């Protein structure tokens, strides 16, 4: 990964700070997705103990499945890009 953002051949402190802030933001998004997965897991467990109709539970189950897929996709992309950027250096 090229950290020289203005292509002058020198990596300044400002450029390194921008790169660090980008990765920190990505880490925060991954933590948010991880907590979201746990939250939806507890939500599914809580809904399972209510007297909800099977049809509504099936719709909720499908929706939660897509939410989990979205969360895991974000987390997987973060780890993939992290591994790729470490390998490229």
C-alpha atoms as a PDB file:
ATOM      1  CA  UNK A   1       0.000   0.000   0.000  1.00  0.00           C
ATOM      2  CA  UNK A   2       1.375   3.378  -0.972  1.00  0.00           C
ATOM      3  CA  UNK A   3       1.309   5.790   1.977  1.00  0.00           C
ATOM      4  CA  UNK A   4       2.663   8.666  -0.132  1.00  0.00           C
ATOM      5  CA  UNK A   5      -0.646  10.459  -0.683  1.00  0.00           C
ATOM      6  CA  UNK A   6       0.633  13.470  -2.627  1.00  0.00           C
ATOM      7  CA  UNK A   7       3.129  11.416  -4.720  1.00  0.00           C
ATOM      8  CA  UNK A   8       6.145  13.580  -3.910  1.00  0.00           C
ATOM      9  CA  UNK A   9       8.322  10.609  -2.988  1.00  0.00           C
ATOM     10  CA  UNK A  10       8.430  11.487   0.732  1.00  0.00           C
ATOM     11  CA  UNK A  11       6.043  10.200   3.400  1.00  0.00           C
ATOM     12  CA  UNK A  12       5.367  13.144   5.721  1.00  0.00           C
ATOM     13  CA  UNK A  13       4.046  13.037   9.290  1.00  0.00           C
ATOM     14  CA  UNK A  14       0.712  14.406   8.003  1.00  0.00           C
ATOM     15  CA  UNK A  15       0.397  11.551   5.524  1.00  0.00           C
ATOM     16  CA  UNK A  16       1.204   8.977   8.184  1.00  0.00           C
ATOM     17  CA  UNK A  17      -1.354  10.556  10.505  1.00  0.00           C
ATOM     18  CA  UNK A  18      -4.022  10.370   7.792  1.00  0.00           C
ATOM     19  CA  UNK A  19      -3.249   6.697   7.182  1.00  0.00           C
ATOM     20  CA  UNK A  20      -3.373   5.952  10.930  1.00  0.00           C
ATOM     21  CA  UNK A  21      -6.721   7.750  11.247  1.00  0.00           C
ATOM     22  CA  UNK A  22      -8.150   5.740   8.337  1.00  0.00           C
ATOM     23  CA  UNK A  23      -7.134   2.440   9.916  1.00  0.00           C
ATOM     24  CA  UNK A  24      -8.433   3.550  13.309  1.00  0.00           C
ATOM     25  CA  UNK A  25     -11.793   4.371  11.737  1.00  0.00           C
ATOM     26  CA  UNK A  26     -11.872   0.953  10.068  1.00  0.00           C
ATOM     27  CA  UNK A  27     -11.121  -0.693  13.429  1.00  0.00           C
ATOM     28  CA  UNK A  28     -14.000   1.192  15.047  1.00  0.00           C
ATOM     29  CA  UNK A  29     -16.368   0.005  12.312  1.00  0.00           C
ATOM     30  CA  UNK A  30     -15.267  -3.606  12.856  1.00  0.00           C
ATOM     31  CA  UNK A  31     -15.816  -3.316  16.614  1.00  0.00           C
ATOM     32  CA  UNK A  32     -19.263  -1.857  15.960  1.00  0.00           C
ATOM     33  CA  UNK A  33     -20.101  -4.809  13.700  1.00  0.00           C
ATOM     34  CA  UNK A  34     -18.834  -7.273  16.296  1.00  0.00           C
ATOM     35  CA  UNK A  35     -20.965  -5.739  19.036  1.00  0.00           C
ATOM     36  CA  UNK A  36     -23.896  -5.612  16.618  1.00  0.00           C
ATOM     37  CA  UNK A  37     -23.573  -9.333  15.971  1.00  0.00           C
ATOM     38  CA  UNK A  38     -23.707 -10.048  19.702  1.00  0.00           C
ATOM     39  CA  UNK A  39     -26.633  -7.673  20.136  1.00  0.00           C
ATOM     40  CA  UNK A  40     -28.631  -9.322  17.368  1.00  0.00           C
ATOM     41  CA  UNK A  41     -27.732 -12.743  18.789  1.00  0.00           C
ATOM     42  CA  UNK A  42     -29.222 -11.776  22.133  1.00  0.00           C
ATOM     43  CA  UNK A  43     -32.190 -10.227  20.345  1.00  0.00           C
ATOM     44  CA  UNK A  44     -32.870 -13.466  18.461  1.00  0.00           C
ATOM     45  CA  UNK A  45     -32.642 -15.406  21.708  1.00  0.00           C
ATOM     46  CA  UNK A  46     -35.040 -12.980  23.393  1.00  0.00           C
ATOM     47  CA  UNK A  47     -37.538 -13.150  20.538  1.00  0.00           C
ATOM     48  CA  UNK A  48     -37.423 -16.955  20.594  1.00  0.00           C
ATOM     49  CA  UNK A  49     -38.825 -16.968  24.137  1.00  0.00           C
ATOM     50  CA  UNK A  50     -41.802 -14.764  23.287  1.00  0.00           C
ATOM     51  CA  UNK A  51     -45.119 -15.969  21.956  1.00  0.00           C
ATOM     52  CA  UNK A  52     -44.505 -14.682  18.421  1.00  0.00           C
ATOM     53  CA  UNK A  53     -46.168 -16.487  15.547  1.00  0.00           C
ATOM     54  CA  UNK A  54     -44.014 -18.869  13.511  1.00  0.00           C
ATOM     55  CA  UNK A  55     -44.572 -16.810  10.339  1.00  0.00           C
ATOM     56  CA  UNK A  56     -43.270 -13.631  11.945  1.00  0.00           C
ATOM     57  CA  UNK A  57     -40.383 -15.528  13.495  1.00  0.00           C
ATOM     58  CA  UNK A  58     -39.440 -16.892  10.041  1.00  0.00           C
ATOM     59  CA  UNK A  59     -39.403 -13.371   8.593  1.00  0.00           C
ATOM     60  CA  UNK A  60     -37.302 -12.103  11.500  1.00  0.00           C
ATOM     61  CA  UNK A  61     -34.945 -15.048  11.135  1.00  0.00           C
ATOM     62  CA  UNK A  62     -34.401 -14.290   7.454  1.00  0.00           C
ATOM     63  CA  UNK A  63     -33.816 -10.609   8.196  1.00  0.00           C
ATOM     64  CA  UNK A  64     -31.342 -11.387  10.992  1.00  0.00           C
ATOM     65  CA  UNK A  65     -29.548 -13.781   8.657  1.00  0.00           C
ATOM     66  CA  UNK A  66     -28.927 -10.960   6.191  1.00  0.00           C
ATOM     67  CA  UNK A  67     -27.813  -8.658   8.997  1.00  0.00           C
ATOM     68  CA  UNK A  68     -25.298 -11.263  10.191  1.00  0.00           C
ATOM     69  CA  UNK A  69     -24.099 -11.701   6.618  1.00  0.00           C
ATOM     70  CA  UNK A  70     -23.541  -7.944   6.335  1.00  0.00           C
ATOM     71  CA  UNK A  71     -21.667  -7.745   9.635  1.00  0.00           C
ATOM     72  CA  UNK A  72     -19.440 -10.704   8.833  1.00  0.00           C
ATOM     73  CA  UNK A  73     -18.752  -9.308   5.355  1.00  0.00           C
ATOM     74  CA  UNK A  74     -17.488  -6.044   6.838  1.00  0.00           C
ATOM     75  CA  UNK A  75     -15.329  -7.888   9.375  1.00  0.00           C
ATOM     76  CA  UNK A  76     -13.960 -10.265   6.739  1.00  0.00           C
ATOM     77  CA  UNK A  77     -13.162  -7.402   4.378  1.00  0.00           C
ATOM     78  CA  UNK A  78     -11.273  -5.593   7.139  1.00  0.00           C
ATOM     79  CA  UNK A  79      -9.135  -8.630   7.907  1.00  0.00           C
ATOM     80  CA  UNK A  80      -8.585  -9.301   4.218  1.00  0.00           C
ATOM     81  CA  UNK A  81      -7.474  -5.749   3.482  1.00  0.00           C
ATOM     82  CA  UNK A  82      -5.285  -5.749   6.598  1.00  0.00           C
ATOM     83  CA  UNK A  83      -3.534  -8.924   5.497  1.00  0.00           C
ATOM     84  CA  UNK A  84      -3.153  -7.635   1.949  1.00  0.00           C
ATOM     85  CA  UNK A  85      -1.693  -4.305   3.013  1.00  0.00           C
ATOM     86  CA  UNK A  86       0.755  -6.049   5.348  1.00  0.00           C
ATOM     87  CA  UNK A  87       1.843  -8.383   2.547  1.00  0.00           C
ATOM     88  CA  UNK A  88       2.280  -5.623  -0.066  1.00  0.00           C
ATOM     89  CA  UNK A  89       4.777  -3.634   2.039  1.00  0.00           C
END
